[in-house]
Amino acid sequence: MTRLIAQTPAGSAPVARARLQSLLEYDRSLISHADLLSVLREEIFALVGRHAAIDANKVHFMVVRGSTASTLTVDIEVPFRTRPTGTTACA
């Protein structure tokens, strides 16, 4: 009967522990990374918003995760200021 029950190798516990440790570290890095991105997003909105009226629906953030670093790309549609008709630009 004991031959029918799968036996786990004696060395599997350390391997499982190492895998769990790696998974927990990865999860922690994603959480802190997400927090950082939300802070960056708010600060970018505040900074650009001081200089131009922006529509939050026209702001796109994209993060590309690499093996050693991530790249943040921000695409913001900033409207042109239009001059009233009949005015000229000052040099």
C-alpha atoms as a PDB file:
ATOM      1  CA  MET A   1       0.000   0.000   0.000  1.00  0.00           C
ATOM      2  CA  THR A   2       2.810   2.433   0.803  1.00  0.00           C
ATOM      3  CA  ARG A   3       4.155   2.011  -2.712  1.00  0.00           C
ATOM      4  CA  LEU A   4       0.876   3.419  -4.096  1.00  0.00           C
ATOM      5  CA  ILE A   5       1.212   6.684  -2.173  1.00  0.00           C
ATOM      6  CA  ALA A   6       3.606   9.089  -3.847  1.00  0.00           C
ATOM      7  CA  GLN A   7       6.711   9.648  -1.783  1.00  0.00           C
ATOM      8  CA  THR A   8       8.252  13.108  -1.779  1.00  0.00           C
ATOM      9  CA  PRO A   9      12.009  13.213  -2.013  1.00  0.00           C
ATOM     10  CA  ALA A  10      13.758  14.196   1.201  1.00  0.00           C
ATOM     11  CA  GLY A  11      15.357  17.238  -0.498  1.00  0.00           C
ATOM     12  CA  SER A  12      12.127  18.789  -1.792  1.00  0.00           C
ATOM     13  CA  ALA A  13      11.460  20.972   1.280  1.00  0.00           C
ATOM     14  CA  PRO A  14      14.486  23.260   0.751  1.00  0.00           C
ATOM     15  CA  VAL A  15      13.628  23.602  -2.940  1.00  0.00           C
ATOM     16  CA  ALA A  16      10.009  24.480  -2.126  1.00  0.00           C
ATOM     17  CA  ARG A  17      11.167  26.972   0.515  1.00  0.00           C
ATOM     18  CA  ALA A  18      13.527  28.652  -1.969  1.00  0.00           C
ATOM     19  CA  ARG A  19      10.767  28.876  -4.577  1.00  0.00           C
ATOM     20  CA  LEU A  20       8.360  30.381  -2.056  1.00  0.00           C
ATOM     21  CA  GLN A  21      11.022  32.889  -0.973  1.00  0.00           C
ATOM     22  CA  SER A  22      11.573  33.935  -4.596  1.00  0.00           C
ATOM     23  CA  LEU A  23       7.837  34.290  -5.149  1.00  0.00           C
ATOM     24  CA  LEU A  24       7.426  36.449  -2.037  1.00  0.00           C
ATOM     25  CA  GLU A  25      10.326  38.705  -3.043  1.00  0.00           C
ATOM     26  CA  TYR A  26       8.833  39.100  -6.513  1.00  0.00           C
ATOM     27  CA  ASP A  27       5.408  39.988  -5.054  1.00  0.00           C
ATOM     28  CA  ARG A  28       6.983  42.554  -2.717  1.00  0.00           C
ATOM     29  CA  SER A  29       8.876  44.162  -5.580  1.00  0.00           C
ATOM     30  CA  LEU A  30       5.669  44.468  -7.611  1.00  0.00           C
ATOM     31  CA  ILE A  31       3.829  46.106  -4.724  1.00  0.00           C
ATOM     32  CA  SER A  32       6.577  48.654  -4.074  1.00  0.00           C
ATOM     33  CA  HIS A  33       6.910  49.203  -7.831  1.00  0.00           C
ATOM     34  CA  ALA A  34       3.160  49.862  -8.116  1.00  0.00           C
ATOM     35  CA  ASP A  35       3.348  52.345  -5.229  1.00  0.00           C
ATOM     36  CA  LEU A  36       6.214  54.155  -6.912  1.00  0.00           C
ATOM     37  CA  LEU A  37       4.305  54.354 -10.198  1.00  0.00           C
ATOM     38  CA  SER A  38       1.215  55.808  -8.533  1.00  0.00           C
ATOM     39  CA  VAL A  39       3.364  58.464  -6.816  1.00  0.00           C
ATOM     40  CA  LEU A  40       5.106  59.306 -10.099  1.00  0.00           C
ATOM     41  CA  ARG A  41       1.759  59.498 -11.884  1.00  0.00           C
ATOM     42  CA  GLU A  42       0.336  61.977  -9.349  1.00  0.00           C
ATOM     43  CA  GLU A  43       3.476  64.115  -9.397  1.00  0.00           C
ATOM     44  CA  ILE A  44       3.538  64.218 -13.203  1.00  0.00           C
ATOM     45  CA  PHE A  45      -0.129  65.295 -13.267  1.00  0.00           C
ATOM     46  CA  ALA A  46       0.574  68.036 -10.715  1.00  0.00           C
ATOM     47  CA  LEU A  47       3.686  69.303 -12.506  1.00  0.00           C
ATOM     48  CA  VAL A  48       2.198  69.428 -15.994  1.00  0.00           C
ATOM     49  CA  GLY A  49      -1.096  70.733 -14.602  1.00  0.00           C
ATOM     50  CA  ARG A  50       0.705  73.810 -13.249  1.00  0.00           C
ATOM     51  CA  HIS A  51       1.714  74.789 -16.774  1.00  0.00           C
ATOM     52  CA  ALA A  52      -1.114  73.526 -18.975  1.00  0.00           C
ATOM     53  CA  ALA A  53      -4.696  72.368 -18.695  1.00  0.00           C
ATOM     54  CA  ILE A  54      -4.624  68.635 -19.325  1.00  0.00           C
ATOM     55  CA  ASP A  55      -7.402  66.090 -19.614  1.00  0.00           C
ATOM     56  CA  ALA A  56      -6.716  63.029 -17.449  1.00  0.00           C
ATOM     57  CA  ASN A  57      -8.364  60.853 -20.110  1.00  0.00           C
ATOM     58  CA  LYS A  58      -5.716  61.957 -22.590  1.00  0.00           C
ATOM     59  CA  VAL A  59      -2.740  60.932 -20.488  1.00  0.00           C
ATOM     60  CA  HIS A  60      -1.317  57.447 -21.042  1.00  0.00           C
ATOM     61  CA  PHE A  61       1.316  55.749 -18.923  1.00  0.00           C
ATOM     62  CA  MET A  62       3.151  52.670 -20.128  1.00  0.00           C
ATOM     63  CA  VAL A  63       5.686  50.640 -18.177  1.00  0.00           C
ATOM     64  CA  VAL A  64       7.974  48.153 -19.862  1.00  0.00           C
ATOM     65  CA  ARG A  65       9.640  45.869 -17.363  1.00  0.00           C
ATOM     66  CA  GLY A  66      13.136  44.715 -18.169  1.00  0.00           C
ATOM     67  CA  SER A  67      15.385  42.272 -16.384  1.00  0.00           C
ATOM     68  CA  THR A  68      17.272  44.980 -14.469  1.00  0.00           C
ATOM     69  CA  ALA A  69      15.150  48.131 -14.951  1.00  0.00           C
ATOM     70  CA  SER A  70      11.775  49.365 -16.082  1.00  0.00           C
ATOM     71  CA  THR A  71      11.025  52.081 -18.617  1.00  0.00           C
ATOM     72  CA  LEU A  72       8.198  54.550 -17.971  1.00  0.00           C
ATOM     73  CA  THR A  73       6.707  56.247 -21.010  1.00  0.00           C
ATOM     74  CA  VAL A  74       4.196  59.060 -20.543  1.00  0.00           C
ATOM     75  CA  ASP A  75       2.099  60.328 -23.448  1.00  0.00           C
ATOM     76  CA  ILE A  76       0.290  63.581 -22.590  1.00  0.00           C
ATOM     77  CA  GLU A  77      -1.920  65.484 -24.990  1.00  0.00           C
ATOM     78  CA  VAL A  78      -1.280  69.163 -24.259  1.00  0.00           C
ATOM     79  CA  PRO A  79      -3.585  71.583 -26.068  1.00  0.00           C
ATOM     80  CA  PHE A  80      -2.100  74.585 -27.845  1.00  0.00           C
ATOM     81  CA  ARG A  81      -2.912  77.991 -26.499  1.00  0.00           C
ATOM     82  CA  THR A  82      -4.758  79.803 -29.201  1.00  0.00           C
ATOM     83  CA  ARG A  83      -4.359  83.512 -29.723  1.00  0.00           C
ATOM     84  CA  PRO A  84      -7.494  85.602 -30.040  1.00  0.00           C
ATOM     85  CA  THR A  85      -8.235  86.594 -33.637  1.00  0.00           C
ATOM     86  CA  GLY A  86      -6.534  89.805 -34.758  1.00  0.00           C
ATOM     87  CA  THR A  87      -3.584  89.655 -32.344  1.00  0.00           C
ATOM     88  CA  THR A  88       0.015  89.344 -33.366  1.00  0.00           C
ATOM     89  CA  ALA A  89       2.844  87.542 -31.714  1.00  0.00           C
ATOM     90  CA  CYS A  90       5.422  89.593 -29.834  1.00  0.00           C
ATOM     91  CA  ALA A  91       9.058  89.026 -30.663  1.00  0.00           C
END
